[in-house]
Amino acid sequence: MKHQRISRELELGLKKHTIDGVEKISENLGVHPISVLVASYLREQPEMTVQELLERIRSDLDSDSNSSSDA
């Protein structure tokens, strides 16, 4: 399962990686860089589901988009 492979990469110290490092990890795994970041966050917040996190992200992006259009 890709999620397990992502988790293994994260155990190697994702928090120390740059954006370029995250992109390299995602290329090696064949996933989007955001998937690596989401997997990392979910490891730190095990009570949160993928769906809950994606809903939060969608809400944040929608709010940001609405704020930009109001300016």
N, C-alpha and C. Protein backbone atom coordinates (compact mmCIF):
# COMPACT_ATOMS: atom_id res chain seq x y z
N MET A 1 0.84 -1.19 0.00
CA MET A 1 0.00 0.00 0.00
C MET A 1 0.89 1.25 0.00
N LYS A 2 0.53 2.23 -0.82
CA LYS A 2 1.35 3.43 -0.94
C LYS A 2 1.45 4.19 0.37
N HIS A 3 0.37 4.20 1.14
CA HIS A 3 0.39 4.94 2.41
C HIS A 3 1.49 4.41 3.32
N GLN A 4 1.67 3.08 3.34
CA GLN A 4 2.72 2.49 4.17
C GLN A 4 4.10 2.87 3.65
N ARG A 5 4.26 2.92 2.33
CA ARG A 5 5.54 3.32 1.76
C ARG A 5 5.84 4.78 2.09
N ILE A 6 4.82 5.62 2.02
CA ILE A 6 5.01 7.02 2.38
C ILE A 6 5.41 7.12 3.84
N SER A 7 4.73 6.36 4.70
CA SER A 7 5.05 6.38 6.13
C SER A 7 6.49 5.96 6.37
N ARG A 8 6.97 4.98 5.63
CA ARG A 8 8.35 4.53 5.79
C ARG A 8 9.32 5.66 5.42
N GLU A 9 9.03 6.36 4.33
CA GLU A 9 9.86 7.49 3.96
C GLU A 9 9.83 8.57 5.04
N LEU A 10 8.67 8.77 5.64
CA LEU A 10 8.54 9.80 6.67
C LEU A 10 9.36 9.45 7.90
N GLU A 11 9.46 8.16 8.21
CA GLU A 11 10.24 7.73 9.36
C GLU A 11 11.71 8.08 9.20
N LEU A 12 12.13 8.32 7.97
CA LEU A 12 13.52 8.66 7.71
C LEU A 12 13.82 10.13 7.97
N GLY A 13 12.82 10.87 8.44
CA GLY A 13 13.07 12.24 8.85
C GLY A 13 12.52 13.31 7.93
N LEU A 14 11.29 13.14 7.46
CA LEU A 14 10.68 14.11 6.55
C LEU A 14 10.73 15.53 7.10
N LYS A 15 10.60 15.69 8.39
CA LYS A 15 10.54 17.03 8.97
C LYS A 15 11.79 17.85 8.66
N LYS A 16 12.86 17.18 8.31
CA LYS A 16 14.10 17.88 8.01
C LYS A 16 14.25 18.18 6.52
N HIS A 17 13.34 17.72 5.71
CA HIS A 17 13.44 17.90 4.26
C HIS A 17 12.95 19.27 3.82
N THR A 18 13.52 19.73 2.75
CA THR A 18 13.06 20.94 2.09
C THR A 18 11.91 20.56 1.16
N ILE A 19 11.32 21.55 0.54
CA ILE A 19 10.28 21.27 -0.46
C ILE A 19 10.87 20.41 -1.57
N ASP A 20 12.10 20.69 -1.97
CA ASP A 20 12.76 19.87 -2.99
C ASP A 20 12.88 18.42 -2.52
N GLY A 21 13.19 18.23 -1.24
CA GLY A 21 13.29 16.88 -0.70
C GLY A 21 11.96 16.15 -0.73
N VAL A 22 10.89 16.86 -0.39
CA VAL A 22 9.55 16.27 -0.44
C VAL A 22 9.21 15.89 -1.87
N GLU A 23 9.57 16.75 -2.82
CA GLU A 23 9.31 16.44 -4.23
C GLU A 23 10.08 15.21 -4.68
N LYS A 24 11.31 15.05 -4.23
CA LYS A 24 12.09 13.86 -4.59
C LYS A 24 11.48 12.60 -4.00
N ILE A 25 11.07 12.67 -2.74
CA ILE A 25 10.41 11.52 -2.10
C ILE A 25 9.16 11.16 -2.88
N SER A 26 8.36 12.16 -3.22
CA SER A 26 7.10 11.89 -3.92
C SER A 26 7.37 11.30 -5.31
N GLU A 27 8.40 11.78 -6.00
CA GLU A 27 8.75 11.20 -7.30
C GLU A 27 9.13 9.74 -7.15
N ASN A 28 9.95 9.43 -6.14
CA ASN A 28 10.37 8.04 -5.92
C ASN A 28 9.19 7.13 -5.61
N LEU A 29 8.19 7.67 -4.92
CA LEU A 29 7.02 6.88 -4.54
C LEU A 29 5.93 6.90 -5.61
N GLY A 30 6.04 7.82 -6.55
CA GLY A 30 5.01 7.93 -7.59
C GLY A 30 3.72 8.55 -7.07
N VAL A 31 3.86 9.48 -6.12
CA VAL A 31 2.69 10.16 -5.56
C VAL A 31 2.88 11.67 -5.66
N HIS A 32 1.82 12.41 -5.43
CA HIS A 32 1.88 13.88 -5.44
C HIS A 32 2.58 14.36 -4.17
N PRO A 33 3.36 15.43 -4.25
CA PRO A 33 4.03 15.94 -3.05
C PRO A 33 3.07 16.24 -1.89
N ILE A 34 1.88 16.69 -2.20
CA ILE A 34 0.91 16.97 -1.13
C ILE A 34 0.54 15.68 -0.39
N SER A 35 0.53 14.55 -1.10
CA SER A 35 0.24 13.27 -0.44
C SER A 35 1.27 12.96 0.63
N VAL A 36 2.52 13.28 0.35
CA VAL A 36 3.59 13.07 1.34
C VAL A 36 3.35 13.95 2.56
N LEU A 37 2.99 15.20 2.32
CA LEU A 37 2.73 16.11 3.44
C LEU A 37 1.51 15.68 4.25
N VAL A 38 0.46 15.25 3.55
CA VAL A 38 -0.75 14.78 4.24
C VAL A 38 -0.42 13.55 5.09
N ALA A 39 0.34 12.61 4.52
CA ALA A 39 0.71 11.41 5.28
C ALA A 39 1.52 11.78 6.51
N SER A 40 2.40 12.75 6.37
CA SER A 40 3.20 13.20 7.51
C SER A 40 2.31 13.79 8.60
N TYR A 41 1.38 14.64 8.19
CA TYR A 41 0.49 15.27 9.16
C TYR A 41 -0.38 14.22 9.86
N LEU A 42 -0.87 13.25 9.10
CA LEU A 42 -1.73 12.21 9.68
C LEU A 42 -0.98 11.35 10.68
N ARG A 43 0.32 11.18 10.49
CA ARG A 43 1.12 10.44 11.47
C ARG A 43 1.17 11.19 12.79
N GLU A 44 1.18 12.51 12.71
CA GLU A 44 1.25 13.35 13.91
C GLU A 44 -0.12 13.56 14.55
N GLN A 45 -1.18 13.37 13.79
CA GLN A 45 -2.55 13.57 14.26
C GLN A 45 -3.37 12.31 13.97
N PRO A 46 -3.08 11.19 14.64
CA PRO A 46 -3.75 9.93 14.31
C PRO A 46 -5.26 9.92 14.53
N GLU A 47 -5.75 10.87 15.32
CA GLU A 47 -7.20 10.92 15.54
C GLU A 47 -7.94 11.52 14.35
N MET A 48 -7.23 12.14 13.45
CA MET A 48 -7.84 12.77 12.28
C MET A 48 -7.83 11.79 11.11
N THR A 49 -8.95 11.73 10.39
CA THR A 49 -9.01 10.88 9.21
C THR A 49 -8.54 11.66 7.98
N VAL A 50 -8.22 10.92 6.93
CA VAL A 50 -7.84 11.56 5.67
C VAL A 50 -8.97 12.49 5.21
N GLN A 51 -10.20 12.00 5.29
CA GLN A 51 -11.34 12.80 4.84
C GLN A 51 -11.47 14.10 5.64
N GLU A 52 -11.30 14.01 6.95
CA GLU A 52 -11.38 15.22 7.78
C GLU A 52 -10.29 16.22 7.40
N LEU A 53 -9.09 15.72 7.18
CA LEU A 53 -8.00 16.62 6.81
C LEU A 53 -8.24 17.26 5.45
N LEU A 54 -8.71 16.47 4.49
CA LEU A 54 -8.99 17.03 3.16
C LEU A 54 -10.12 18.05 3.21
N GLU A 55 -11.13 17.81 4.04
CA GLU A 55 -12.21 18.79 4.21
C GLU A 55 -11.66 20.09 4.79
N ARG A 56 -10.76 19.96 5.77
CA ARG A 56 -10.14 21.15 6.37
C ARG A 56 -9.34 21.92 5.33
N ILE A 57 -8.57 21.20 4.54
CA ILE A 57 -7.76 21.85 3.50
C ILE A 57 -8.66 22.54 2.48
N ARG A 58 -9.72 21.84 2.06
CA ARG A 58 -10.67 22.44 1.10
C ARG A 58 -11.27 23.71 1.68
N SER A 59 -11.66 23.67 2.93
CA SER A 59 -12.25 24.83 3.59
C SER A 59 -11.25 25.98 3.66
N ASP A 60 -10.01 25.66 4.04
CA ASP A 60 -8.97 26.69 4.11
C ASP A 60 -8.74 27.33 2.76
N LEU A 61 -8.66 26.52 1.72
CA LEU A 61 -8.41 27.05 0.38
C LEU A 61 -9.60 27.85 -0.13
N ASP A 62 -10.81 27.38 0.16
CA ASP A 62 -12.00 28.13 -0.24
C ASP A 62 -12.05 29.48 0.46
N SER A 63 -11.73 29.50 1.75
CA SER A 63 -11.73 30.75 2.51
C SER A 63 -10.68 31.71 1.96
N ASP A 64 -9.51 31.18 1.65
CA ASP A 64 -8.44 32.01 1.11
C ASP A 64 -8.83 32.56 -0.26
N SER A 65 -9.47 31.73 -1.07
CA SER A 65 -9.90 32.16 -2.40
C SER A 65 -10.96 33.25 -2.29
N ASN A 66 -11.89 33.09 -1.37
CA ASN A 66 -12.94 34.09 -1.17
C ASN A 66 -12.36 35.40 -0.66
N SER A 67 -11.37 35.33 0.22
CA SER A 67 -10.73 36.54 0.74
C SER A 67 -10.00 37.29 -0.36
N SER A 68 -9.37 36.56 -1.25
CA SER A 68 -8.63 37.19 -2.35
C SER A 68 -9.57 37.89 -3.32
N SER A 69 -10.74 37.31 -3.55
CA SER A 69 -11.67 37.92 -4.51
C SER A 69 -12.37 39.13 -3.92
N ASP A 70 -12.37 39.26 -2.58
CA ASP A 70 -12.99 40.42 -1.93
C ASP A 70 -12.11 41.66 -2.00
N ALA A 71 -10.83 41.47 -2.24
CA ALA A 71 -9.88 42.60 -2.22
C ALA A 71 -9.98 43.47 -3.44
